[in-house]
Amino acid sequence: MTHTASKTPKLWAVIAAAAFILLITIGMRMTLGLFVQPVVNTTELNIAQFSLIITVFQLMWGVLQPLSGALADRFGAFRVLSGGALLLVCACLIASNIPTYWGLMIAVGLLLAFGTGSGGFSIIMGQVAAQVPTHKRGLASGLVNAGGSAGQFLFAPLVQGLKDSSSCPKSAGRVHFTFGAQSPC
């Protein structure tokens, strides 16, 4: 077995993991609009308040992209990705247990934004480019970006289906954003 052939499975694993991370983070980011009506119907928030929370989320996600890249350069991508995953868990717990304006602003507007931003393009593409040979970077980049596109494509019907089939109407506004799973009644 040649040296290059022995690296091929590792490269595919890196590409698959990167695509999966983007599938999750971009899918979560792009489905927030599906929660406007359930949140407005099951909490004291009005549409303007929840829209502001989503706006803050989108702005913070954008602000975090260069910051998360700098943190990954200093502390390593694994630590930043792990920290982002922890923030996603915290966002889910807070959003499902404190469905107030400030609870959702902290959970969605900040923690979810920082969690998904930590698994965004700047870190993922940098790690893939560092581990893939130069002549395969275009293909790798396309496959990884396809993971983000798949997240947009898959999450919307998945989240909508889970919302529609929920047996607990009050839980619709208190969503565990990870994979669109409903919070317990």
Protein backbone atom coordinates (compact mmCIF):
# COMPACT_ATOMS: atom_id res chain seq x y z
CA MET A 1 0.00 0.00 0.00
CA THR A 2 1.38 3.40 -0.91
CA HIS A 3 1.66 6.30 1.47
CA THR A 4 -1.05 8.18 -0.44
CA ALA A 5 -3.44 5.23 -0.43
CA SER A 6 -3.13 4.89 3.35
CA LYS A 7 -4.16 8.55 3.78
CA THR A 8 -7.26 8.28 1.58
CA PRO A 9 -9.64 6.87 4.27
CA LYS A 10 -8.53 9.59 6.69
CA LEU A 11 -9.18 12.29 4.10
CA TRP A 12 -12.67 10.95 3.43
CA ALA A 13 -13.34 10.84 7.17
CA VAL A 14 -12.24 14.47 7.52
CA ILE A 15 -14.42 15.53 4.59
CA ALA A 16 -17.43 13.56 5.88
CA ALA A 17 -17.07 14.94 9.42
CA ALA A 18 -16.72 18.49 8.13
CA ALA A 19 -19.76 18.11 5.86
CA PHE A 20 -21.78 16.68 8.77
CA ILE A 21 -20.83 19.57 11.07
CA LEU A 22 -21.92 22.09 8.44
CA LEU A 23 -25.10 20.09 7.82
CA ILE A 24 -26.00 20.54 11.49
CA THR A 25 -24.89 24.15 11.99
CA ILE A 26 -26.26 25.52 8.72
CA GLY A 27 -29.45 23.46 9.03
CA MET A 28 -30.05 24.86 12.51
CA ARG A 29 -29.30 28.38 11.36
CA MET A 30 -31.67 28.26 8.41
CA THR A 31 -34.73 26.83 10.18
CA LEU A 32 -35.24 29.45 12.88
CA GLY A 33 -38.06 31.05 10.90
CA LEU A 34 -40.11 27.88 11.34
CA PHE A 35 -40.30 28.62 15.05
CA VAL A 36 -41.79 32.12 14.82
CA GLN A 37 -45.45 31.08 14.95
CA PRO A 38 -45.08 28.38 17.65
CA VAL A 39 -43.03 30.69 19.86
CA VAL A 40 -45.48 33.56 19.43
CA ASN A 41 -48.43 31.23 20.09
CA THR A 42 -47.01 29.54 23.20
CA THR A 43 -45.08 32.30 24.95
CA GLU A 44 -45.65 35.91 25.93
CA LEU A 45 -43.43 37.06 23.06
CA ASN A 46 -44.84 38.90 20.08
CA ILE A 47 -43.61 38.52 16.52
CA ALA A 48 -41.42 41.64 16.72
CA GLN A 49 -39.62 40.38 19.83
CA PHE A 50 -38.87 36.95 18.40
CA SER A 51 -37.87 38.49 15.07
CA LEU A 52 -35.39 40.66 16.96
CA ILE A 53 -33.99 37.54 18.66
CA ILE A 54 -33.50 35.91 15.25
CA THR A 55 -31.90 39.12 13.93
CA VAL A 56 -29.46 39.21 16.84
CA PHE A 57 -28.72 35.53 16.18
CA GLN A 58 -27.87 36.20 12.53
CA LEU A 59 -25.70 39.22 13.37
CA MET A 60 -23.83 37.39 16.12
CA TRP A 61 -23.28 34.40 13.81
CA GLY A 62 -21.67 36.72 11.27
CA VAL A 63 -19.57 38.54 13.87
CA LEU A 64 -18.32 35.26 15.28
CA GLN A 65 -16.98 33.88 12.00
CA PRO A 66 -13.64 35.74 12.03
CA LEU A 67 -13.44 35.51 15.81
CA SER A 68 -13.90 31.74 15.84
CA GLY A 69 -11.24 31.42 13.13
CA ALA A 70 -8.82 33.43 15.26
CA LEU A 71 -9.65 31.32 18.33
CA ALA A 72 -9.06 28.15 16.31
CA ASP A 73 -5.66 29.48 15.21
CA ARG A 74 -4.72 30.14 18.81
CA PHE A 75 -6.32 27.21 20.68
CA GLY A 76 -6.99 24.66 17.96
CA ALA A 77 -10.07 23.85 15.95
CA PHE A 78 -11.03 20.88 18.12
CA ARG A 79 -11.33 23.07 21.22
CA VAL A 80 -13.36 25.69 19.40
CA LEU A 81 -15.67 23.06 17.89
CA SER A 82 -16.06 21.38 21.29
CA GLY A 83 -16.84 24.71 22.93
CA GLY A 84 -19.38 25.41 20.21
CA ALA A 85 -21.05 22.05 20.80
CA LEU A 86 -21.25 22.81 24.52
CA LEU A 87 -22.84 26.18 23.75
CA LEU A 88 -25.41 24.43 21.52
CA VAL A 89 -26.38 22.15 24.39
CA CYS A 90 -26.67 25.11 26.77
CA ALA A 91 -28.78 27.00 24.20
CA CYS A 92 -31.14 24.04 23.91
CA LEU A 93 -31.52 23.68 27.66
CA ILE A 94 -32.13 27.37 28.24
CA ALA A 95 -34.53 27.75 25.28
CA SER A 96 -36.60 24.79 26.41
CA ASN A 97 -36.73 25.76 30.08
CA ILE A 98 -36.82 29.57 30.02
CA PRO A 99 -39.06 30.57 27.08
CA THR A 100 -39.09 34.26 28.02
CA TYR A 101 -37.77 37.17 25.98
CA TRP A 102 -34.43 37.31 27.80
CA GLY A 103 -34.16 33.55 28.09
CA LEU A 104 -34.56 33.16 24.33
CA MET A 105 -32.36 36.18 23.61
CA ILE A 106 -29.54 34.58 25.59
CA ALA A 107 -30.23 31.05 24.33
CA VAL A 108 -30.91 31.77 20.66
CA GLY A 109 -29.56 35.25 20.08
CA LEU A 110 -26.21 34.56 21.73
CA LEU A 111 -25.47 30.95 22.72
CA LEU A 112 -27.00 29.30 19.65
CA ALA A 113 -25.32 31.89 17.43
CA PHE A 114 -21.95 31.29 19.05
CA GLY A 115 -22.43 27.52 18.98
CA THR A 116 -23.37 27.36 15.32
CA GLY A 117 -20.80 30.02 14.45
CA SER A 118 -18.07 27.95 16.07
CA GLY A 119 -18.89 25.18 13.60
CA GLY A 120 -19.13 27.52 10.64
CA PHE A 121 -17.27 27.81 7.39
CA SER A 122 -14.18 29.61 8.70
CA ILE A 123 -13.04 26.78 10.96
CA ILE A 124 -14.34 23.85 8.94
CA MET A 125 -12.90 24.92 5.61
CA GLY A 126 -9.59 25.86 7.21
CA GLN A 127 -9.24 22.43 8.75
CA VAL A 128 -10.19 20.64 5.56
CA ALA A 129 -7.76 22.72 3.49
CA ALA A 130 -4.97 21.99 5.96
CA GLN A 131 -5.47 18.22 5.73
CA VAL A 132 -6.30 17.73 2.05
CA PRO A 133 -3.62 17.80 -0.68
CA THR A 134 -3.65 20.95 -2.79
CA HIS A 135 -4.84 19.19 -5.92
CA LYS A 136 -7.92 17.80 -4.08
CA ARG A 137 -8.96 20.96 -2.22
CA GLY A 138 -11.52 22.01 -4.81
CA LEU A 139 -13.31 18.68 -4.62
CA ALA A 140 -13.08 18.62 -0.83
CA SER A 141 -14.41 22.17 -0.59
CA GLY A 142 -17.34 21.32 -2.85
CA LEU A 143 -18.24 18.22 -0.85
CA VAL A 144 -18.03 20.02 2.48
CA ASN A 145 -20.12 22.93 1.21
CA ALA A 146 -22.64 20.39 -0.06
CA GLY A 147 -23.03 19.32 3.57
CA GLY A 148 -24.14 22.85 4.47
CA SER A 149 -26.55 22.87 1.55
CA ALA A 150 -27.90 19.48 2.61
CA GLY A 151 -28.54 20.95 6.06
CA GLN A 152 -30.72 23.65 4.52
CA PHE A 153 -32.51 21.06 2.41
CA LEU A 154 -33.04 18.42 5.12
CA PHE A 155 -33.66 20.43 8.26
CA ALA A 156 -36.67 22.43 7.06
CA PRO A 157 -38.95 19.44 6.34
CA LEU A 158 -37.56 17.50 9.31
CA VAL A 159 -38.19 20.31 11.78
CA GLN A 160 -41.59 21.12 10.26
CA GLY A 161 -42.61 17.47 10.45
CA LEU A 162 -41.53 17.17 14.07
CA LYS A 163 -43.35 20.38 14.94
CA ASP A 164 -46.54 19.22 13.19
CA SER A 165 -46.50 15.79 14.80
CA SER A 166 -45.84 17.02 18.33
CA SER A 167 -48.30 15.61 20.85
CA CYS A 168 -47.55 18.44 23.23
CA PRO A 169 -48.76 21.77 21.75
CA LYS A 170 -47.18 23.86 24.49
CA SER A 171 -43.77 22.41 23.75
CA ALA A 172 -43.78 23.81 20.21
CA GLY A 173 -42.45 27.13 21.48
CA ARG A 174 -39.78 25.49 23.63
CA VAL A 175 -37.80 23.69 21.01
CA HIS A 176 -34.58 21.82 21.49
CA PHE A 177 -32.98 23.23 18.37
CA THR A 178 -30.59 20.32 17.92
CA PHE A 179 -32.11 18.19 15.17
CA GLY A 180 -35.39 20.02 15.73
CA ALA A 181 -36.36 17.74 18.63
CA GLN A 182 -39.26 18.93 20.77
CA SER A 183 -38.74 19.60 24.45
CA PRO A 184 -40.56 17.27 26.85
CA CYS A 185 -44.07 18.29 27.96
